[in-house]
């Protein structure tokens, strides 16, 4: 079972809100997940990214791979450097 850190969509039509979750790579986008790691709200100006760094670090150390979208969000907010430093 490969674990990915990815986004799941929440919110209503035309009002997206995303959760950053650790999930099995074969699970559907909005399906079953293992743990909620953070949130991403693209509607706020600037876009709001909230991440629990302890949970993120735990999953990265266990071998979870972030998707390209999640990795770019973490890089833009300076969170990725902090994860690599630990």
C-alpha atoms as a PDB file:
ATOM      1  CA  UNK A   1       0.000   0.000   0.000  1.00  0.00           C
ATOM      2  CA  UNK A   2       1.578   3.270  -1.153  1.00  0.00           C
ATOM      3  CA  UNK A   3       0.528   6.328   0.814  1.00  0.00           C
ATOM      4  CA  UNK A   4       0.134   9.723  -0.847  1.00  0.00           C
ATOM      5  CA  UNK A   5      -0.355  13.133   0.721  1.00  0.00           C
ATOM      6  CA  UNK A   6      -2.992  14.772  -1.461  1.00  0.00           C
ATOM      7  CA  UNK A   7      -5.979  17.104  -1.549  1.00  0.00           C
ATOM      8  CA  UNK A   8      -9.614  16.085  -1.169  1.00  0.00           C
ATOM      9  CA  UNK A   9     -12.273  18.519  -2.284  1.00  0.00           C
ATOM     10  CA  UNK A  10     -14.881  19.843   0.123  1.00  0.00           C
ATOM     11  CA  UNK A  11     -17.231  22.802  -0.084  1.00  0.00           C
ATOM     12  CA  UNK A  12     -20.120  23.442  -2.372  1.00  0.00           C
ATOM     13  CA  UNK A  13     -20.443  24.139  -6.062  1.00  0.00           C
ATOM     14  CA  UNK A  14     -18.131  26.986  -7.171  1.00  0.00           C
ATOM     15  CA  UNK A  15     -16.883  27.359  -3.545  1.00  0.00           C
ATOM     16  CA  UNK A  16     -13.980  24.898  -3.279  1.00  0.00           C
ATOM     17  CA  UNK A  17     -12.257  24.049  -0.015  1.00  0.00           C
ATOM     18  CA  UNK A  18      -9.665  21.316   0.271  1.00  0.00           C
ATOM     19  CA  UNK A  19      -8.334  19.045   3.000  1.00  0.00           C
ATOM     20  CA  UNK A  20      -4.749  17.844   2.828  1.00  0.00           C
ATOM     21  CA  UNK A  21      -4.855  14.159   3.758  1.00  0.00           C
ATOM     22  CA  UNK A  22      -2.715  11.043   3.888  1.00  0.00           C
ATOM     23  CA  UNK A  23      -4.492   8.407   1.796  1.00  0.00           C
ATOM     24  CA  UNK A  24      -3.863   5.118   0.043  1.00  0.00           C
ATOM     25  CA  UNK A  25      -2.839   5.873  -3.542  1.00  0.00           C
ATOM     26  CA  UNK A  26      -5.588   3.599  -4.880  1.00  0.00           C
ATOM     27  CA  UNK A  27      -8.432   5.264  -2.922  1.00  0.00           C
ATOM     28  CA  UNK A  28     -10.727   7.672  -4.805  1.00  0.00           C
ATOM     29  CA  UNK A  29     -10.059  11.416  -4.543  1.00  0.00           C
ATOM     30  CA  UNK A  30     -12.856  12.108  -2.064  1.00  0.00           C
ATOM     31  CA  UNK A  31     -12.896   8.617  -0.598  1.00  0.00           C
ATOM     32  CA  UNK A  32     -11.400   6.976   2.447  1.00  0.00           C
ATOM     33  CA  UNK A  33      -8.261   8.534   3.944  1.00  0.00           C
ATOM     34  CA  UNK A  34      -5.926   7.738   6.827  1.00  0.00           C
ATOM     35  CA  UNK A  35      -5.493  11.148   8.496  1.00  0.00           C
ATOM     36  CA  UNK A  36      -6.212  14.844   7.939  1.00  0.00           C
ATOM     37  CA  UNK A  37      -2.955  16.812   7.792  1.00  0.00           C
ATOM     38  CA  UNK A  38      -4.203  20.302   6.965  1.00  0.00           C
ATOM     39  CA  UNK A  39      -6.441  22.518   4.865  1.00  0.00           C
ATOM     40  CA  UNK A  40      -6.193  24.692   1.744  1.00  0.00           C
ATOM     41  CA  UNK A  41      -8.636  27.503   0.999  1.00  0.00           C
ATOM     42  CA  UNK A  42      -8.022  29.007  -2.476  1.00  0.00           C
ATOM     43  CA  UNK A  43     -10.830  31.559  -2.121  1.00  0.00           C
ATOM     44  CA  UNK A  44      -9.094  33.666   0.508  1.00  0.00           C
ATOM     45  CA  UNK A  45      -6.747  36.386  -0.662  1.00  0.00           C
ATOM     46  CA  UNK A  46      -3.957  35.281  -0.455  1.00  0.00           C
ATOM     47  CA  UNK A  47      -4.787  31.570  -0.522  1.00  0.00           C
ATOM     48  CA  UNK A  48      -4.728  30.065   2.960  1.00  0.00           C
ATOM     49  CA  UNK A  49      -2.736  26.901   3.704  1.00  0.00           C
ATOM     50  CA  UNK A  50      -2.846  25.482   7.240  1.00  0.00           C
ATOM     51  CA  UNK A  51      -0.725  22.409   7.967  1.00  0.00           C
ATOM     52  CA  UNK A  52      -0.063  20.428  11.130  1.00  0.00           C
ATOM     53  CA  UNK A  53       3.700  20.048  10.713  1.00  0.00           C
ATOM     54  CA  UNK A  54       3.979  17.220  13.246  1.00  0.00           C
ATOM     55  CA  UNK A  55       1.519  15.070  11.293  1.00  0.00           C
ATOM     56  CA  UNK A  56       3.131  15.988   7.965  1.00  0.00           C
ATOM     57  CA  UNK A  57       6.606  15.098   9.244  1.00  0.00           C
ATOM     58  CA  UNK A  58       5.308  11.818  10.674  1.00  0.00           C
ATOM     59  CA  UNK A  59       3.851  10.745   7.318  1.00  0.00           C
ATOM     60  CA  UNK A  60       6.902  11.860   5.310  1.00  0.00           C
ATOM     61  CA  UNK A  61       9.137   9.803   7.639  1.00  0.00           C
ATOM     62  CA  UNK A  62       6.838   6.791   7.126  1.00  0.00           C
ATOM     63  CA  UNK A  63       7.407   7.061   3.369  1.00  0.00           C
ATOM     64  CA  UNK A  64       4.325   8.965   2.184  1.00  0.00           C
ATOM     65  CA  UNK A  65       4.877  10.874  -1.047  1.00  0.00           C
ATOM     66  CA  UNK A  66       3.195  14.273  -1.584  1.00  0.00           C
ATOM     67  CA  UNK A  67       1.520  14.877  -4.936  1.00  0.00           C
ATOM     68  CA  UNK A  68       2.953  17.604  -7.150  1.00  0.00           C
ATOM     69  CA  UNK A  69       0.123  19.979  -6.183  1.00  0.00           C
ATOM     70  CA  UNK A  70       0.653  19.476  -2.458  1.00  0.00           C
ATOM     71  CA  UNK A  71       4.417  19.838  -2.818  1.00  0.00           C
ATOM     72  CA  UNK A  72       4.039  23.132  -4.716  1.00  0.00           C
ATOM     73  CA  UNK A  73       1.637  24.486  -2.049  1.00  0.00           C
ATOM     74  CA  UNK A  74       4.096  23.555   0.691  1.00  0.00           C
ATOM     75  CA  UNK A  75       6.989  25.171  -1.207  1.00  0.00           C
ATOM     76  CA  UNK A  76       5.076  28.409  -1.837  1.00  0.00           C
ATOM     77  CA  UNK A  77       4.337  28.730   1.872  1.00  0.00           C
ATOM     78  CA  UNK A  78       7.854  27.834   3.047  1.00  0.00           C
ATOM     79  CA  UNK A  79       6.710  24.699   4.856  1.00  0.00           C
ATOM     80  CA  UNK A  80       8.641  22.251   2.688  1.00  0.00           C
ATOM     81  CA  UNK A  81      12.057  23.613   3.762  1.00  0.00           C
ATOM     82  CA  UNK A  82      11.129  23.123   7.404  1.00  0.00           C
ATOM     83  CA  UNK A  83      10.140  19.512   6.749  1.00  0.00           C
ATOM     84  CA  UNK A  84      13.383  18.743   4.936  1.00  0.00           C
ATOM     85  CA  UNK A  85      15.441  20.288   7.762  1.00  0.00           C
ATOM     86  CA  UNK A  86      14.085  17.817  10.336  1.00  0.00           C
END
